[in-house]
N, C-alpha and C. Protein backbone atom coordinates (compact mmCIF):
# COMPACT_ATOMS: atom_id res chain seq x y z
N MET A 1 -17.13 5.79 3.87
CA MET A 1 -16.53 6.51 5.14
C MET A 1 -15.11 6.90 5.02
N LEU A 2 -14.48 8.05 5.15
CA LEU A 2 -13.20 8.34 5.22
C LEU A 2 -12.42 8.43 6.71
N PHE A 3 -11.28 8.42 6.66
CA PHE A 3 -10.59 8.45 8.02
C PHE A 3 -9.08 9.18 7.54
N LEU A 4 -8.73 10.36 8.60
CA LEU A 4 -7.75 10.54 8.24
C LEU A 4 -6.44 9.96 9.10
N CYS A 5 -5.55 9.58 8.44
CA CYS A 5 -4.54 8.91 9.55
C CYS A 5 -3.18 9.70 9.11
N GLN A 6 -2.41 9.93 10.13
CA GLN A 6 -1.15 10.54 10.44
C GLN A 6 -0.05 9.59 9.46
N ALA A 7 0.62 10.31 8.65
CA ALA A 7 1.50 9.50 7.80
C ALA A 7 3.01 9.62 8.04
N GLY A 8 3.10 10.17 9.21
CA GLY A 8 4.53 10.35 9.59
C GLY A 8 4.70 11.56 10.52
N SER A 9 6.03 11.67 10.88
CA SER A 9 6.17 12.95 11.76
C SER A 9 5.99 14.08 11.10
N ASN A 10 6.22 14.30 9.98
CA ASN A 10 6.00 15.54 9.26
C ASN A 10 4.65 16.29 9.23
N SER A 11 3.53 15.62 9.98
CA SER A 11 2.16 15.94 10.08
C SER A 11 1.16 15.76 8.79
N GLN A 12 1.69 15.04 8.00
CA GLN A 12 1.03 14.74 6.69
C GLN A 12 0.30 13.75 7.08
N PHE A 13 -1.07 14.07 6.36
CA PHE A 13 -2.28 13.16 6.58
C PHE A 13 -2.53 12.24 5.27
N LEU A 14 -3.33 10.93 5.47
CA LEU A 14 -3.39 10.26 4.17
C LEU A 14 -5.20 10.03 4.61
N VAL A 15 -5.78 10.23 3.37
CA VAL A 15 -7.35 9.86 3.45
C VAL A 15 -7.48 8.32 3.04
N LEU A 16 -8.04 7.53 3.87
CA LEU A 16 -8.43 6.05 3.54
C LEU A 16 -9.82 5.95 3.35
N CYS A 17 -10.05 5.39 2.34
CA CYS A 17 -11.62 4.95 2.18
C CYS A 17 -12.06 3.61 3.04
N CYS A 18 -13.26 3.64 3.36
CA CYS A 18 -13.56 2.45 4.15
C CYS A 18 -14.94 2.00 3.87
N ASN A 19 -15.07 0.70 3.84
CA ASN A 19 -16.71 0.07 3.59
C ASN A 19 -17.50 0.34 4.95
N GLU A 20 -18.72 -0.12 4.77
CA GLU A 20 -19.59 -0.03 6.07
C GLU A 20 -19.12 -0.58 7.07
N VAL A 21 -18.20 -1.70 7.23
CA VAL A 21 -17.77 -2.24 8.10
C VAL A 21 -16.56 -1.70 8.78
N GLY A 22 -16.10 -0.59 8.17
CA GLY A 22 -14.93 -0.17 8.64
C GLY A 22 -13.32 -0.73 8.22
N ASP A 23 -13.47 -1.71 7.14
CA ASP A 23 -12.30 -2.03 6.44
C ASP A 23 -11.64 -1.29 5.69
N ILE A 24 -10.19 -0.72 5.85
CA ILE A 24 -9.60 0.11 4.89
C ILE A 24 -9.29 -0.72 3.65
N LYS A 25 -9.78 0.61 2.58
CA LYS A 25 -9.71 -0.10 1.12
C LYS A 25 -8.47 0.56 0.20
N LEU A 26 -8.15 0.30 -0.70
CA LEU A 26 -7.20 1.23 -1.38
C LEU A 26 -7.93 2.34 -2.00
N LYS A 27 -7.25 3.39 -2.14
CA LYS A 27 -7.75 4.68 -2.75
C LYS A 27 -7.19 4.46 -4.18
N VAL A 28 -8.12 4.65 -5.09
CA VAL A 28 -7.94 4.45 -6.44
C VAL A 28 -8.17 5.76 -7.08
N ARG A 29 -7.01 6.28 -8.00
CA ARG A 29 -7.22 7.63 -8.81
C ARG A 29 -6.82 7.31 -10.11
N PHE A 30 -7.07 8.26 -11.02
CA PHE A 30 -6.59 8.00 -12.31
C PHE A 30 -5.79 9.31 -13.04
N LYS A 31 -4.98 8.69 -13.97
CA LYS A 31 -3.78 9.73 -14.23
C LYS A 31 -4.79 10.94 -14.82
N GLY A 32 -5.92 10.74 -15.85
CA GLY A 32 -6.62 11.51 -16.29
C GLY A 32 -8.00 11.33 -16.64
N ASN A 33 -8.89 12.51 -16.97
CA ASN A 33 -10.40 12.15 -17.01
C ASN A 33 -10.82 10.83 -18.11
N LYS A 34 -9.91 11.05 -19.12
CA LYS A 34 -10.22 10.08 -20.34
C LYS A 34 -10.07 8.56 -19.86
N LEU A 35 -8.89 8.61 -19.03
CA LEU A 35 -8.65 7.03 -18.48
C LEU A 35 -9.62 6.69 -17.37
N GLU A 36 -9.99 7.55 -16.56
CA GLU A 36 -11.03 7.21 -15.62
C GLU A 36 -12.24 7.16 -16.38
N LYS A 37 -12.63 7.60 -17.43
CA LYS A 37 -13.92 7.31 -18.06
C LYS A 37 -13.95 5.80 -18.69
N LEU A 38 -12.73 5.58 -19.32
CA LEU A 38 -12.48 4.37 -19.90
C LEU A 38 -12.58 3.12 -18.93
N CYS A 39 -11.97 3.29 -17.66
CA CYS A 39 -11.71 2.41 -16.62
C CYS A 39 -13.14 2.23 -15.68
N THR A 40 -14.05 3.11 -15.82
CA THR A 40 -15.27 3.30 -14.74
C THR A 40 -16.50 3.14 -15.57
N ASP A 41 -16.49 3.49 -16.75
CA ASP A 41 -17.80 3.74 -17.45
C ASP A 41 -17.94 2.47 -18.39
N GLU A 42 -19.20 1.56 -18.37
CA GLU A 42 -19.23 0.51 -19.20
C GLU A 42 -19.20 0.97 -20.38
N ASN A 43 -20.01 1.68 -20.90
CA ASN A 43 -20.42 2.13 -22.47
C ASN A 43 -18.97 2.69 -22.97
N GLU A 44 -18.30 3.39 -22.30
CA GLU A 44 -16.88 3.48 -22.92
C GLU A 44 -15.95 2.53 -22.90
N MET A 45 -16.06 1.74 -21.97
CA MET A 45 -15.41 0.46 -22.25
C MET A 45 -15.69 -0.44 -23.62
N GLN A 46 -17.00 -0.30 -23.59
CA GLN A 46 -17.75 -1.57 -24.91
C GLN A 46 -17.21 -0.65 -26.12
N LYS A 47 -17.08 0.77 -26.14
CA LYS A 47 -16.93 1.40 -27.38
C LYS A 47 -15.60 1.59 -27.99
N LYS A 48 -14.63 1.78 -26.70
CA LYS A 48 -13.23 1.86 -26.92
C LYS A 48 -12.39 0.72 -27.07
N ARG A 49 -12.57 -0.17 -25.85
CA ARG A 49 -12.02 -1.36 -25.71
C ARG A 49 -12.98 -2.59 -25.74
N PRO A 50 -13.54 -3.27 -26.44
CA PRO A 50 -14.23 -4.11 -26.03
C PRO A 50 -13.58 -5.65 -25.93
N ASP A 51 -12.60 -5.58 -26.40
CA ASP A 51 -11.66 -6.61 -26.10
C ASP A 51 -11.05 -6.97 -24.63
N LEU A 52 -11.06 -5.69 -24.11
CA LEU A 52 -10.37 -5.64 -22.66
C LEU A 52 -11.54 -5.52 -21.63
N LYS A 53 -12.81 -5.40 -22.21
CA LYS A 53 -13.76 -4.88 -21.08
C LYS A 53 -13.65 -5.79 -19.86
N LYS A 54 -14.10 -7.12 -20.11
CA LYS A 54 -14.38 -7.95 -19.01
C LYS A 54 -13.01 -7.95 -18.00
N LYS A 55 -12.11 -8.11 -18.26
CA LYS A 55 -10.82 -8.15 -17.54
C LYS A 55 -10.36 -6.67 -16.91
N LEU A 56 -10.63 -5.76 -17.90
CA LEU A 56 -10.52 -4.22 -17.05
C LEU A 56 -11.46 -4.03 -15.97
N ARG A 57 -12.73 -4.59 -16.27
CA ARG A 57 -13.72 -4.38 -15.27
C ARG A 57 -13.14 -5.13 -13.82
N LEU A 58 -12.62 -6.52 -14.09
CA LEU A 58 -12.32 -7.21 -12.72
C LEU A 58 -10.86 -6.49 -12.25
N ARG A 59 -9.99 -5.98 -12.99
CA ARG A 59 -8.97 -5.36 -12.34
C ARG A 59 -9.12 -4.41 -11.48
N ILE A 60 -10.24 -3.53 -12.10
CA ILE A 60 -10.40 -2.15 -11.25
C ILE A 60 -11.29 -2.57 -10.04
N LYS A 61 -12.25 -3.21 -10.11
CA LYS A 61 -13.06 -3.83 -9.01
C LYS A 61 -11.86 -4.56 -8.01
N ALA A 62 -10.78 -5.27 -8.66
CA ALA A 62 -9.90 -5.50 -7.31
C ALA A 62 -9.06 -4.88 -7.04
N LEU A 63 -8.91 -3.40 -7.34
CA LEU A 63 -8.36 -2.23 -6.81
C LEU A 63 -9.06 -1.67 -5.86
N GLU A 64 -10.46 -1.71 -6.17
CA GLU A 64 -11.36 -0.82 -5.16
C GLU A 64 -11.88 -1.77 -4.06
N THR A 65 -11.41 -3.08 -4.01
CA THR A 65 -11.55 -3.83 -2.88
C THR A 65 -10.57 -4.37 -2.16
N SER A 66 -9.49 -4.26 -2.68
CA SER A 66 -8.05 -4.81 -1.98
C SER A 66 -7.76 -3.77 -0.92
N GLU A 67 -7.13 -4.25 0.10
CA GLU A 67 -6.67 -3.54 1.38
C GLU A 67 -5.52 -2.58 1.10
N THR A 68 -4.59 -3.48 0.53
CA THR A 68 -3.23 -2.70 0.13
C THR A 68 -2.65 -3.27 -1.12
N LEU A 69 -1.50 -2.70 -1.44
CA LEU A 69 -0.82 -3.05 -2.73
C LEU A 69 -0.53 -4.47 -2.79
N ALA A 70 -0.01 -4.88 -1.64
CA ALA A 70 0.63 -6.23 -1.46
C ALA A 70 -0.49 -7.34 -1.47
N SER A 71 -1.49 -6.97 -1.08
CA SER A 71 -2.90 -8.14 -1.06
C SER A 71 -3.26 -8.16 -2.56
N LEU A 72 -3.17 -7.46 -3.72
CA LEU A 72 -3.54 -7.36 -4.99
C LEU A 72 -3.38 -9.03 -5.41
N PRO A 73 -2.24 -9.52 -5.57
CA PRO A 73 -1.85 -10.74 -6.04
C PRO A 73 -2.69 -11.86 -5.47
N GLN A 74 -3.10 -11.70 -4.48
CA GLN A 74 -4.05 -12.71 -3.46
C GLN A 74 -5.27 -12.66 -3.95
N ASP A 75 -5.89 -11.34 -3.92
CA ASP A 75 -7.13 -10.75 -3.98
C ASP A 75 -7.58 -10.96 -5.45
N ASP A 76 -6.77 -10.96 -6.44
CA ASP A 76 -7.03 -10.96 -7.87
C ASP A 76 -5.70 -11.98 -8.50
N PRO A 77 -5.80 -13.01 -8.28
CA PRO A 77 -4.69 -13.81 -8.66
C PRO A 77 -4.69 -14.12 -10.20
N GLY A 78 -6.11 -13.79 -11.09
CA GLY A 78 -5.88 -13.79 -12.41
C GLY A 78 -5.56 -12.41 -13.11
N GLY A 79 -4.99 -11.53 -12.35
CA GLY A 79 -4.50 -10.24 -12.73
C GLY A 79 -2.93 -10.43 -13.13
N ARG A 80 -2.55 -11.54 -12.43
CA ARG A 80 -0.99 -11.80 -12.43
C ARG A 80 -0.25 -10.39 -12.18
N TRP A 81 -0.68 -9.70 -10.97
CA TRP A 81 -0.03 -8.47 -10.48
C TRP A 81 1.41 -8.39 -10.19
N HIS A 82 2.31 -7.59 -10.66
CA HIS A 82 3.50 -7.77 -10.39
C HIS A 82 4.38 -6.33 -10.69
N ALA A 83 5.33 -6.11 -9.75
CA ALA A 83 6.21 -5.14 -9.67
C ALA A 83 7.18 -4.75 -10.95
N LEU A 84 7.11 -3.81 -11.81
CA LEU A 84 7.84 -3.52 -12.69
C LEU A 84 9.27 -3.09 -12.55
N HIS A 85 10.25 -3.16 -13.38
CA HIS A 85 11.50 -2.94 -13.39
C HIS A 85 11.93 -1.89 -14.25
N GLY A 86 13.33 -1.62 -14.10
CA GLY A 86 14.06 -1.00 -15.52
C GLY A 86 13.40 0.63 -15.35
N GLU A 87 13.31 1.10 -16.55
CA GLU A 87 12.44 2.41 -16.78
C GLU A 87 10.95 2.34 -16.26
N ARG A 88 10.28 1.41 -15.84
CA ARG A 88 9.03 1.23 -15.10
C ARG A 88 9.23 1.06 -13.76
N ALA A 89 10.35 1.34 -13.17
CA ALA A 89 10.56 0.90 -11.76
C ALA A 89 9.38 1.91 -11.14
N GLY A 90 8.97 1.51 -10.00
CA GLY A 90 8.17 2.04 -9.21
C GLY A 90 6.34 1.88 -9.49
N THR A 91 6.36 1.17 -10.52
CA THR A 91 5.14 1.04 -11.08
C THR A 91 4.57 -0.69 -10.94
N TRP A 92 3.42 -1.13 -11.17
CA TRP A 92 3.09 -2.36 -11.15
C TRP A 92 2.21 -2.55 -12.29
N ALA A 93 2.19 -3.68 -12.64
CA ALA A 93 1.06 -3.96 -13.81
C ALA A 93 0.20 -5.35 -13.62
N ALA A 94 -0.78 -5.40 -14.28
CA ALA A 94 -1.85 -6.41 -14.08
C ALA A 94 -1.91 -7.00 -15.43
N GLU A 95 -2.45 -8.02 -16.16
CA GLU A 95 -2.60 -8.56 -17.10
C GLU A 95 -3.98 -8.48 -17.55
N LEU A 96 -4.24 -7.75 -19.00
CA LEU A 96 -5.51 -7.63 -18.98
C LEU A 96 -6.10 -8.47 -20.70
N SER A 97 -5.11 -8.64 -21.53
CA SER A 97 -5.14 -9.79 -22.67
C SER A 97 -3.90 -9.72 -23.14
N GLY A 98 -3.65 -10.62 -23.63
CA GLY A 98 -2.09 -10.99 -24.31
C GLY A 98 -1.09 -10.20 -23.75
N ASN A 99 -0.52 -9.16 -24.50
CA ASN A 99 0.58 -8.26 -24.00
C ASN A 99 -0.27 -6.94 -23.33
N TRP A 100 -1.26 -6.84 -23.14
CA TRP A 100 -2.16 -5.62 -22.90
C TRP A 100 -1.97 -5.78 -21.37
N ARG A 101 -1.33 -4.40 -20.71
CA ARG A 101 -1.40 -4.47 -19.05
C ARG A 101 -2.41 -3.13 -18.72
N LEU A 102 -2.67 -3.34 -17.38
CA LEU A 102 -3.14 -1.84 -16.76
C LEU A 102 -1.84 -1.63 -15.75
N ILE A 103 -1.38 -0.45 -15.73
CA ILE A 103 -0.24 0.09 -15.07
C ILE A 103 -0.86 0.81 -14.19
N ILE A 104 -0.09 0.75 -12.84
CA ILE A 104 -0.76 1.39 -11.65
C ILE A 104 0.88 2.04 -10.92
N GLU A 105 0.40 3.05 -10.36
CA GLU A 105 1.51 3.48 -9.41
C GLU A 105 1.12 3.68 -8.21
N PRO A 106 1.59 2.82 -7.15
CA PRO A 106 1.56 3.10 -5.82
C PRO A 106 2.13 4.59 -4.77
N LYS A 107 1.43 4.89 -4.16
CA LYS A 107 1.85 5.94 -3.24
C LYS A 107 1.56 5.57 -1.87
N PRO A 108 2.60 5.29 -0.83
CA PRO A 108 4.11 5.38 -1.41
C PRO A 108 4.24 3.96 -2.16
N ASN A 109 5.60 4.03 -2.65
CA ASN A 109 5.82 2.62 -3.54
C ASN A 109 6.36 1.60 -2.29
N GLN A 110 5.44 1.18 -1.75
CA GLN A 110 5.71 0.20 -0.77
C GLN A 110 4.58 -0.85 -0.55
N PRO A 111 4.83 -1.94 -0.17
CA PRO A 111 3.72 -2.71 -0.18
C PRO A 111 2.60 -2.48 0.49
N HIS A 112 2.52 -1.91 1.71
CA HIS A 112 1.59 -1.37 2.49
C HIS A 112 1.04 -0.15 1.78
N ALA A 113 1.11 0.20 0.71
CA ALA A 113 0.51 1.46 0.00
C ALA A 113 -0.97 1.27 0.16
N HIS A 114 -1.75 2.40 0.44
CA HIS A 114 -3.25 2.52 0.53
C HIS A 114 -3.67 3.59 -0.31
N GLU A 115 -2.95 4.00 -1.33
CA GLU A 115 -3.20 4.76 -2.38
C GLU A 115 -2.77 4.22 -3.81
N ILE A 116 -3.27 4.27 -4.92
CA ILE A 116 -2.67 3.93 -6.12
C ILE A 116 -3.48 4.83 -7.08
N THR A 117 -2.38 5.17 -8.37
CA THR A 117 -3.07 5.87 -9.56
C THR A 117 -3.04 5.07 -10.77
N VAL A 118 -4.04 4.86 -11.47
CA VAL A 118 -4.12 4.03 -12.55
C VAL A 118 -3.50 5.11 -13.52
N ILE A 119 -2.26 4.69 -14.28
CA ILE A 119 -1.58 5.65 -15.22
C ILE A 119 -1.56 5.06 -16.71
N ASP A 120 -1.77 3.98 -16.90
CA ASP A 120 -1.94 3.66 -18.49
C ASP A 120 -2.47 2.11 -18.59
N ILE A 121 -3.10 2.07 -19.76
CA ILE A 121 -3.26 0.58 -20.33
C ILE A 121 -2.50 0.73 -21.51
N THR A 122 -1.56 -0.11 -21.56
CA THR A 122 -0.63 -0.17 -22.50
C THR A 122 -0.15 -1.98 -23.13
N ASP A 123 0.50 -1.97 -24.21
CA ASP A 123 1.07 -2.94 -24.61
C ASP A 123 2.87 -2.70 -24.68
N TYR A 124 3.30 -3.01 -23.65
CA TYR A 124 4.64 -2.49 -23.36
C TYR A 124 5.70 -3.86 -23.99
N HIS A 125 5.23 -4.71 -24.46
CA HIS A 125 6.19 -5.92 -24.79
C HIS A 125 6.58 -5.71 -26.06
């Protein structure tokens, strides 16, 4: 189910995804088709990143079931979700394995964000 909500006085609208009982959930987008396939296709995960498969599935499921960006740390404590700083300011990261992180960008960059874009899986340490 989709709802249109006015997002400000400038008549912009935000599309919110809802489950059957009407709970608003995060809208998850991906930076590119290859990244989307890696994050959503079990066979692609197994073929390209079997070392990250289990936790990547958990992190993506957490994104799909959380209501807002701010609820991610409570909904998925194993992900150790946190805001990034410096040249990565405006993005958040979740732990996948060792130094590997799932990087997301919320829109807007506020705790109440209802839309995120998965932008990378990287070892930035």
